[in-house]
Protein backbone atom coordinates (compact mmCIF):
# COMPACT_ATOMS: atom_id res chain seq x y z
CA MET A 1 58.21 -58.34 -54.11
CA ALA A 2 61.46 -56.88 -52.87
CA TYR A 3 62.16 -52.74 -52.39
CA THR A 4 64.44 -50.83 -50.74
CA VAL A 5 64.56 -48.20 -48.64
CA GLY A 6 65.15 -45.25 -51.14
CA GLN A 7 62.14 -47.34 -53.31
CA VAL A 8 59.39 -47.61 -50.52
CA ALA A 9 61.09 -43.89 -49.31
CA ARG A 10 59.41 -42.51 -51.94
CA ALA A 11 55.82 -44.83 -53.36
CA ALA A 12 55.45 -43.30 -49.59
CA GLY A 13 56.42 -39.73 -49.85
CA VAL A 14 58.54 -40.84 -46.40
CA THR A 15 62.31 -39.81 -46.06
CA VAL A 16 64.93 -43.21 -45.59
CA ARG A 17 66.19 -41.69 -41.54
CA THR A 18 62.28 -42.64 -41.15
CA LEU A 19 61.73 -45.92 -42.08
CA HIS A 20 64.62 -46.94 -40.53
CA HIS A 21 62.95 -45.22 -37.01
CA TYR A 22 60.33 -47.31 -37.10
CA ASP A 23 62.48 -50.03 -37.75
CA GLU A 24 64.37 -49.39 -35.08
CA ILE A 25 61.32 -48.92 -32.52
CA GLY A 26 59.48 -52.13 -34.06
CA LEU A 27 57.01 -50.38 -35.61
CA LEU A 28 58.02 -51.38 -38.99
CA SER A 29 60.68 -53.69 -39.36
CA PRO A 30 61.16 -54.77 -43.00
CA GLY A 31 60.34 -58.72 -43.83
CA GLY A 32 63.51 -59.30 -44.83
CA ARG A 33 67.01 -58.63 -45.30
CA THR A 34 69.60 -58.90 -48.22
CA PRO A 35 72.98 -60.58 -47.04
CA ALA A 36 74.78 -57.77 -46.91
CA GLY A 37 72.23 -56.36 -44.35
CA TYR A 38 70.42 -54.08 -47.06
CA ARG A 39 66.50 -53.35 -45.57
CA ARG A 40 64.48 -55.09 -48.08
CA TYR A 41 60.49 -54.30 -48.02
CA ASP A 42 57.27 -56.40 -48.98
CA ASP A 43 53.79 -55.97 -49.87
CA ALA A 44 52.84 -57.00 -46.28
CA ASP A 45 55.29 -54.37 -45.05
CA LEU A 46 54.57 -51.36 -47.91
CA GLU A 47 50.71 -52.46 -46.65
CA ARG A 48 51.70 -51.33 -43.19
CA LEU A 49 53.43 -48.49 -43.75
CA GLN A 50 50.07 -47.47 -45.87
CA LEU A 51 48.30 -48.07 -42.15
CA ILE A 52 50.76 -46.28 -40.06
CA ARG A 53 50.71 -43.02 -43.30
CA TYR A 54 46.97 -42.78 -41.96
CA TYR A 55 47.22 -43.03 -38.74
CA ARG A 56 50.08 -40.13 -38.58
CA GLU A 57 47.59 -38.20 -40.58
CA LEU A 58 45.27 -38.86 -38.02
CA GLY A 59 47.43 -37.15 -35.07
CA PHE A 60 47.94 -40.85 -33.68
CA PRO A 61 51.76 -41.15 -31.71
CA LEU A 62 53.75 -43.80 -33.08
CA ASP A 63 52.92 -46.04 -29.84
CA GLU A 64 49.28 -45.67 -30.61
CA ILE A 65 49.97 -46.50 -34.03
CA ALA A 66 51.57 -49.87 -33.00
CA ALA A 67 49.00 -51.17 -30.21
CA ILE A 68 46.11 -51.07 -32.95
CA LEU A 69 47.89 -52.57 -36.15
CA ASP A 70 49.32 -54.92 -33.01
CA ASP A 71 46.08 -56.24 -31.26
CA PRO A 72 45.21 -59.56 -32.89
CA ALA A 73 41.60 -59.25 -32.31
CA ALA A 74 41.87 -56.59 -35.14
CA ASP A 75 39.88 -56.26 -38.17
CA PRO A 76 41.20 -54.21 -41.50
CA ALA A 77 37.57 -53.89 -41.84
CA ALA A 78 37.51 -52.03 -38.85
CA HIS A 79 40.50 -50.14 -39.79
CA LEU A 80 38.87 -48.90 -42.36
CA ARG A 81 35.55 -47.83 -41.21
CA ARG A 82 37.52 -45.83 -37.95
CA GLN A 83 39.35 -44.00 -40.35
CA HIS A 84 36.23 -42.96 -42.70
CA GLU A 85 34.77 -41.69 -39.12
CA LEU A 86 37.89 -39.47 -38.43
CA LEU A 87 38.23 -37.76 -42.17
CA THR A 88 34.90 -37.21 -41.92
CA GLY A 89 35.13 -35.26 -39.17
CA ARG A 90 38.20 -34.10 -39.75
CA ILE A 91 36.51 -32.53 -43.06
CA GLY A 92 33.77 -30.94 -41.46
CA LYS A 93 36.22 -28.74 -38.89
CA LEU A 94 38.70 -27.73 -41.90
CA ARG A 95 36.01 -26.59 -44.07
CA GLU A 96 34.75 -24.33 -41.10
CA MET A 97 38.55 -23.39 -40.89
CA VAL A 98 38.81 -22.93 -44.66
CA ALA A 99 35.67 -20.02 -43.88
CA ALA A 100 37.80 -18.42 -41.33
CA ILE A 101 40.97 -18.19 -42.61
CA GLU A 102 39.38 -16.73 -46.06
CA LEU A 103 37.79 -14.15 -44.58
CA ALA A 104 41.20 -13.08 -42.42
CA MET A 105 42.63 -13.23 -45.77
CA GLU A 106 40.42 -10.30 -46.91
CA ALA A 107 40.97 -8.51 -44.33
CA ARG A 108 44.67 -8.46 -44.80
CA LYS A 109 44.16 -7.11 -48.19
CA MET A 110 41.86 -4.51 -47.77
CA ASN A 111 43.57 -3.81 -45.08
CA ILE A 112 40.93 -3.86 -42.80
CA GLN A 113 41.01 -4.19 -38.84
CA LEU A 114 39.45 -7.42 -37.20
CA THR A 115 36.90 -6.70 -34.86
CA PRO A 116 37.03 -8.94 -31.53
CA GLU A 117 34.73 -11.93 -33.53
CA GLU A 118 36.11 -11.91 -36.75
CA ARG A 119 39.10 -12.68 -34.79
CA PHE A 120 37.50 -15.23 -32.88
CA GLN A 121 36.79 -17.04 -35.94
CA VAL A 122 40.11 -16.90 -37.51
CA PHE A 123 41.68 -18.54 -34.44
CA GLY A 124 38.40 -20.89 -34.17
CA ASP A 125 38.13 -22.40 -30.73
CA PHE A 126 41.32 -21.70 -29.71
CA GLU A 127 42.56 -17.77 -27.96
CA PRO A 128 46.09 -17.35 -27.28
CA GLU A 129 45.38 -15.38 -24.54
CA ASP A 130 42.76 -18.14 -22.88
CA HIS A 131 46.51 -19.61 -21.76
CA ALA A 132 46.10 -17.26 -19.52
CA GLU A 133 42.62 -17.40 -18.12
CA GLU A 134 42.30 -21.35 -18.06
CA ALA A 135 46.28 -20.95 -15.93
CA GLU A 136 44.06 -19.04 -14.06
CA GLN A 137 40.52 -21.31 -13.60
CA ARG A 138 43.31 -24.57 -12.97
CA TRP A 139 46.35 -23.72 -10.76
CA GLY A 140 45.20 -20.12 -9.62
CA ASP A 141 47.94 -17.95 -11.56
CA THR A 142 46.01 -14.59 -11.68
CA GLU A 143 49.39 -12.51 -12.40
CA ALA A 144 49.54 -15.24 -15.76
CA TYR A 145 46.15 -13.30 -16.38
CA ARG A 146 46.91 -10.25 -15.84
CA GLN A 147 50.27 -9.95 -17.43
CA SER A 148 48.22 -11.30 -20.81
CA ALA A 149 45.41 -8.69 -20.21
CA GLU A 150 47.84 -5.40 -19.66
CA ARG A 151 49.99 -6.54 -22.77
CA THR A 152 46.97 -7.80 -25.65
CA ALA A 153 44.86 -4.62 -24.60
CA ARG A 154 48.12 -2.37 -25.80
CA TYR A 155 48.44 -4.40 -29.17
CA SER A 156 47.85 -2.55 -32.59
CA LYS A 157 46.79 -4.80 -35.86
CA GLU A 158 50.58 -5.02 -36.65
CA ASP A 159 51.33 -5.98 -33.24
CA TRP A 160 48.93 -8.85 -34.13
CA LEU A 161 49.74 -9.47 -37.43
CA ARG A 162 53.41 -9.53 -36.35
CA ASN A 163 52.71 -12.68 -33.52
CA LYS A 164 50.20 -14.38 -36.33
CA ALA A 165 54.04 -14.38 -38.43
CA GLU A 166 56.80 -15.85 -35.46
CA ASN A 167 53.88 -18.26 -34.29
CA GLU A 168 53.31 -19.69 -38.11
CA ASP A 169 57.19 -19.60 -39.15
CA TRP A 170 58.05 -21.79 -35.67
CA GLY A 171 54.99 -23.92 -36.48
CA ARG A 172 56.18 -24.96 -39.96
CA ARG A 173 60.14 -25.80 -38.63
CA MET A 174 57.54 -28.10 -35.30
CA VAL A 175 56.53 -30.08 -38.88
CA ALA A 176 60.04 -30.79 -41.33
CA LEU A 177 60.58 -31.75 -37.83
CA MET A 178 57.77 -33.89 -37.17
CA THR A 179 57.32 -35.28 -39.95
CA SER A 180 61.34 -36.40 -40.91
CA GLY A 181 60.81 -38.93 -37.83
CA VAL A 182 62.69 -36.83 -34.97
CA ALA A 183 62.50 -38.10 -31.77
CA ALA A 184 59.91 -35.29 -29.75
CA ASP A 185 62.54 -35.53 -27.15
CA SER A 186 65.67 -34.67 -29.51
CA ALA A 187 67.56 -31.67 -28.76
CA GLU A 188 66.21 -30.04 -32.03
CA ALA A 189 62.59 -30.75 -30.98
CA MET A 190 63.21 -29.46 -27.58
CA ALA A 191 65.15 -26.44 -29.43
CA LEU A 192 61.74 -25.24 -30.69
CA ALA A 193 60.16 -26.36 -27.28
CA GLU A 194 62.07 -23.70 -25.74
CA GLU A 195 61.05 -21.31 -28.23
CA HIS A 196 57.76 -22.01 -27.56
CA ARG A 197 57.44 -21.15 -23.97
CA GLN A 198 60.10 -17.95 -25.26
CA LEU A 199 56.88 -16.60 -27.11
CA ILE A 200 54.59 -17.37 -24.81
CA THR A 201 56.76 -14.82 -22.17
CA ARG A 202 58.05 -12.33 -25.52
CA TRP A 203 53.97 -11.54 -26.12
CA PHE A 204 51.58 -13.43 -23.11
CA TYR A 205 52.93 -13.49 -19.77
CA ASP A 206 55.86 -14.81 -17.84
CA CYS A 207 55.70 -18.43 -18.53
CA PRO A 208 58.21 -20.92 -16.34
CA TYR A 209 58.99 -24.51 -16.90
CA GLU A 210 56.34 -25.85 -14.86
CA LEU A 211 54.20 -23.41 -16.32
CA HIS A 212 54.14 -24.72 -19.65
CA VAL A 213 55.06 -28.23 -18.89
CA CYS A 214 51.14 -27.09 -17.97
CA LEU A 215 50.42 -25.83 -20.66
CA ALA A 216 51.47 -28.93 -22.91
CA ASP A 217 49.16 -30.86 -20.90
CA MET A 218 46.40 -29.09 -21.75
CA TYR A 219 46.85 -29.34 -25.07
CA VAL A 220 46.01 -32.87 -25.70
CA ALA A 221 43.44 -32.72 -22.86
CA ASP A 222 41.19 -29.76 -24.13
CA GLU A 223 39.73 -30.56 -27.76
CA ARG A 224 40.22 -26.62 -27.98
CA PHE A 225 43.77 -26.22 -27.54
CA THR A 226 44.53 -29.96 -29.77
CA ALA A 227 41.66 -28.16 -32.73
CA TYR A 228 44.45 -25.36 -33.00
CA PHE A 229 47.44 -27.77 -33.25
CA GLU A 230 45.55 -30.56 -35.17
CA ALA A 231 45.16 -28.31 -37.94
CA ILE A 232 49.06 -27.31 -38.41
CA HIS A 233 49.09 -30.83 -38.66
CA PRO A 234 48.10 -33.63 -37.38
CA GLY A 235 49.57 -34.94 -34.22
CA MET A 236 51.25 -31.93 -33.48
CA ALA A 237 49.41 -31.39 -30.39
CA ALA A 238 50.95 -34.63 -28.53
CA TYR A 239 54.10 -33.88 -30.64
CA LEU A 240 54.91 -30.70 -29.07
CA ALA A 241 53.14 -31.93 -25.64
CA GLU A 242 56.04 -34.28 -25.53
CA ALA A 243 58.80 -31.50 -26.01
CA ILE A 244 58.18 -29.59 -23.97
CA HIS A 245 57.76 -32.58 -20.47
CA ALA A 246 61.13 -33.69 -22.14
CA ASN A 247 62.73 -29.29 -22.40
CA ALA A 248 61.15 -29.18 -18.99
CA ILE A 249 63.67 -32.39 -17.42
CA SER A 250 66.30 -31.38 -19.17
CA ARG A 251 66.24 -27.99 -17.57
CA ALA A 252 65.50 -29.35 -13.98
């Protein structure tokens, strides 16, 4: 069987633009083309796309997926076992997060002020203020820590809800960009990375580009921070980190 790019996009739940991008980077090149040059995908291509989709859902960057799938020693059964292990671990984490979110929803509905312990449950192992504390511990940026402590000490419940709404809106737009197949070093992604830096500056502490890059590295190196972004969308931590680096370089 041969399938058009549109048929494959509809069947797999991806955009045509995403398939074009996969072809351009050599991750998924169609098995054939028509005399007019149009892409035609065969069953083997669909099987590879299925594996790509699995690994993307698990948060793997595209270059790492390519390396895994193109390994001549790779065993298809090993792929499935690895995916099963990763998914099982994620299911447990997601169950914990669902319970915490349900608590926050109930508190908001009843207009109850969350205690520090409850707010910690809502954010999981990640606390927004930890950005500054980590900065102090790792890079000696005590000014960032002082600014964050002073600002957050004055925040009311309404302030936190407004902060949450702004971050959720930013997160939705970043996920939409990711899932559309736009590269992390694109102008659109860098613009959202810049917005992320400005959110930190507005709500917590002054965040110059050098510090933003350090935070980006922490997002992929520290499992607490990685889990926060991965809960928003698989692969988001790595995607955001790459966008932050690209944004900082473009403004140097």
